[in-house]
Protein backbone atom coordinates (compact mmCIF):
# COMPACT_ATOMS: atom_id res chain seq x y z
CA MET A 1 14.49 23.15 28.78
CA CYS A 2 13.24 19.76 29.87
CA VAL A 3 10.71 18.18 27.54
CA THR A 4 8.24 15.65 28.84
CA LEU A 5 6.33 13.11 26.84
CA ARG A 6 3.17 15.07 27.61
CA GLU A 7 4.59 18.00 25.63
CA LEU A 8 5.11 15.71 22.64
CA GLU A 9 1.57 14.30 22.62
CA PRO A 10 -0.20 17.34 21.09
CA ILE A 11 2.51 17.54 18.42
CA ARG A 12 2.08 13.86 17.64
CA ASN A 13 -1.67 14.39 17.35
CA LYS A 14 -1.19 17.30 14.93
CA VAL A 15 1.04 15.26 12.68
CA ALA A 16 -1.16 12.16 12.90
CA HIS A 17 -4.14 14.23 11.75
CA ASN A 18 -2.23 15.87 8.89
CA ARG A 19 -1.97 19.29 10.48
CA LYS A 20 1.21 21.30 10.15
CA ALA A 21 3.60 21.47 13.04
CA THR A 22 4.86 24.93 14.02
CA LYS A 23 8.50 25.94 14.37
CA HIS A 24 7.98 25.84 18.12
CA ASP A 25 6.69 22.24 17.82
CA VAL A 26 9.82 21.30 15.89
CA GLU A 27 12.02 22.88 18.58
CA ILE A 28 10.23 20.85 21.26
CA VAL A 29 10.74 17.63 19.29
CA GLN A 30 14.40 18.43 18.67
CA THR A 31 14.94 19.07 22.38
CA ALA A 32 13.21 15.80 23.24
CA PHE A 33 15.35 14.00 20.69
CA ARG A 34 18.56 15.42 22.19
CA THR A 35 17.33 14.56 25.69
CA ILE A 36 16.81 10.93 24.71
CA VAL A 37 19.84 10.49 22.45
CA THR A 38 22.47 12.13 24.65
CA PRO A 39 22.56 9.52 27.44
CA LEU A 40 22.28 6.60 24.98
CA GLY A 41 24.69 7.84 22.35
CA GLU A 42 23.74 8.40 18.75
CA ASP A 43 25.02 5.04 17.46
CA LEU A 44 23.07 3.00 20.00
CA PHE A 45 19.95 5.12 19.46
CA ARG A 46 20.08 4.63 15.67
CA SER A 47 20.61 0.89 16.03
CA LEU A 48 17.62 0.68 18.39
CA VAL A 49 15.45 2.60 15.93
CA LEU A 50 16.53 0.48 12.97
CA ASP A 51 16.03 -2.77 14.86
CA ARG A 52 12.63 -1.90 16.30
CA THR A 53 10.82 0.29 13.79
CA ILE A 54 8.21 -1.30 11.57
CA ALA A 55 6.73 1.16 9.13
CA THR A 56 4.71 0.35 6.06
CA ASP A 57 5.80 2.14 2.92
CA ILE A 58 2.34 2.46 1.41
CA SER A 59 3.60 3.96 -1.85
CA ALA A 60 6.04 1.09 -2.35
CA MET A 61 3.31 -1.45 -1.64
CA LEU A 62 0.94 0.24 -4.11
CA ARG A 63 3.69 0.25 -6.76
CA LYS A 64 4.17 -3.49 -6.18
CA LEU A 65 0.42 -3.99 -6.48
CA TRP A 66 0.38 -2.02 -9.74
CA GLU A 67 3.18 -4.21 -11.09
CA GLU A 68 1.30 -7.35 -10.04
CA ALA A 69 -1.84 -5.98 -11.72
CA ARG A 70 0.09 -5.46 -14.97
CA GLN A 71 1.79 -8.85 -14.88
CA SER A 72 -1.44 -10.68 -14.10
CA PHE A 73 -3.25 -8.81 -16.88
CA ALA A 74 -0.58 -9.96 -19.33
CA LEU A 75 -1.06 -13.54 -18.13
CA CYS A 76 -4.83 -13.24 -18.62
CA LYS A 77 -4.41 -11.85 -22.12
CA ALA A 78 -2.12 -14.80 -22.95
CA LEU A 79 -4.64 -17.19 -21.30
CA ALA A 80 -1.77 -18.38 -19.13
CA PRO A 81 -2.22 -19.87 -15.67
CA MET A 82 -1.64 -17.64 -12.68
CA GLN A 83 0.13 -19.12 -9.66
CA SER A 84 -0.78 -16.64 -6.94
CA LEU A 85 -1.40 -12.99 -6.25
CA GLN A 86 1.06 -12.57 -3.38
CA VAL A 87 1.08 -8.78 -3.25
CA TRP A 88 -2.71 -8.59 -3.43
CA GLU A 89 -3.08 -11.18 -0.69
CA GLU A 90 -0.75 -9.17 1.52
CA ILE A 91 -2.25 -5.74 0.79
CA ASN A 92 -5.90 -6.76 0.87
CA ASN A 93 -5.58 -7.56 4.57
CA GLN A 94 -3.66 -4.43 5.57
CA TRP A 95 -5.29 -1.87 7.86
CA TRP A 96 -4.37 0.99 5.54
CA PHE A 97 -5.92 -0.49 2.38
CA ASP A 98 -9.17 1.29 3.02
CA SER A 99 -10.97 3.91 0.93
CA ASP A 100 -11.46 6.16 3.94
CA TYR A 101 -7.81 6.00 4.98
CA LEU A 102 -6.50 6.42 1.44
CA ASN A 103 -9.08 9.12 0.76
CA HIS A 104 -9.88 7.53 -2.58
CA THR A 105 -12.00 4.63 -3.72
CA THR A 106 -10.40 1.21 -4.06
CA ASP A 107 -13.49 -0.49 -5.52
CA ALA A 108 -12.05 -1.09 -9.00
CA ILE A 109 -8.82 -2.50 -7.53
CA ILE A 110 -10.77 -4.87 -5.31
CA GLU A 111 -13.08 -5.88 -8.17
CA TYR A 112 -10.13 -6.49 -10.51
CA PHE A 113 -8.18 -8.64 -8.06
CA THR A 114 -11.32 -10.54 -7.05
CA LEU A 115 -11.80 -11.36 -10.73
CA LEU A 116 -8.14 -12.40 -11.02
CA THR A 117 -8.60 -14.73 -8.07
CA ALA A 118 -11.53 -16.33 -9.89
CA TYR A 119 -9.43 -16.50 -13.10
CA SER A 120 -6.64 -18.30 -11.25
CA ARG A 121 -9.14 -20.98 -10.17
CA LEU A 122 -10.55 -21.67 -13.63
CA PRO A 123 -10.16 -25.33 -14.64
CA ARG A 124 -7.35 -25.86 -17.08
CA PHE A 125 -7.25 -28.81 -19.40
CA ARG A 126 -6.53 -29.45 -23.04
CA GLY A 127 -8.99 -27.44 -25.15
CA ALA A 128 -10.09 -25.12 -22.29
CA GLY A 129 -8.46 -22.04 -23.82
CA HIS A 130 -11.52 -20.99 -25.81
CA GLY A 131 -13.72 -21.14 -22.70
CA ILE A 132 -11.17 -19.14 -20.67
CA GLU A 133 -10.94 -16.55 -23.45
CA GLU A 134 -14.74 -16.23 -23.51
CA TRP A 135 -14.83 -15.95 -19.69
CA ALA A 136 -12.31 -13.09 -19.79
CA ARG A 137 -14.32 -11.33 -22.51
CA VAL A 138 -17.64 -11.67 -20.68
CA LYS A 139 -16.10 -10.52 -17.39
CA GLN A 140 -14.64 -7.49 -19.22
CA ILE A 141 -11.14 -8.01 -17.84
CA ASP A 142 -9.76 -5.25 -20.12
CA ALA A 143 -12.15 -2.63 -18.75
CA LEU A 144 -11.66 -3.73 -15.14
CA PHE A 145 -7.89 -3.61 -15.53
CA ALA A 146 -8.11 -0.09 -16.98
CA LYS A 147 -10.24 1.08 -14.03
CA ALA A 148 -7.96 -0.57 -11.46
CA GLU A 149 -4.91 0.91 -13.16
CA GLN A 150 -6.50 4.36 -13.04
CA GLU A 151 -7.26 4.00 -9.32
CA LEU A 152 -3.72 2.85 -8.61
CA SER A 153 -2.31 5.71 -10.64
CA THR A 154 -4.41 8.20 -8.70
CA LEU A 155 -3.46 6.66 -5.36
CA LEU A 156 0.22 6.74 -6.27
CA GLY A 157 -0.11 10.34 -7.38
CA ASP A 158 -1.74 11.19 -4.05
CA ALA A 159 0.84 9.15 -2.12
CA THR A 160 3.82 10.70 -3.86
CA GLY A 161 2.44 14.17 -4.46
């Protein structure tokens, strides 16, 4: 049985649109895999895949974001300066960080990290602590963190469930 790339396209579309592949689909993919791997050899094929594949582990990135959210919240509560929000800066520009794609709102996460960005830019000088503390209270950082944490928890539950 010779498998062409055209036979793989409808299977790829099923999987890309979260539809289940049939046993027959799996057999076609396995045949295509053997057809490609056999002339190359399994070792060369695996090395090519490992060298060339770039896949985003969305769950891992969301876990990193959650950790950054927690750490930054602790800094805010201690009125400590915040250097940067590296994970947020990386994720905020990713194609997949989108409510439609994730099938869940990200509004509270965006609002929380936008507030943290503003917090990181607050002027810091001797005696500024009281003003920073008042800023955090007025901006309701505790409530925003709780909402962002809930959204991240839900997204991670959906991503790992």
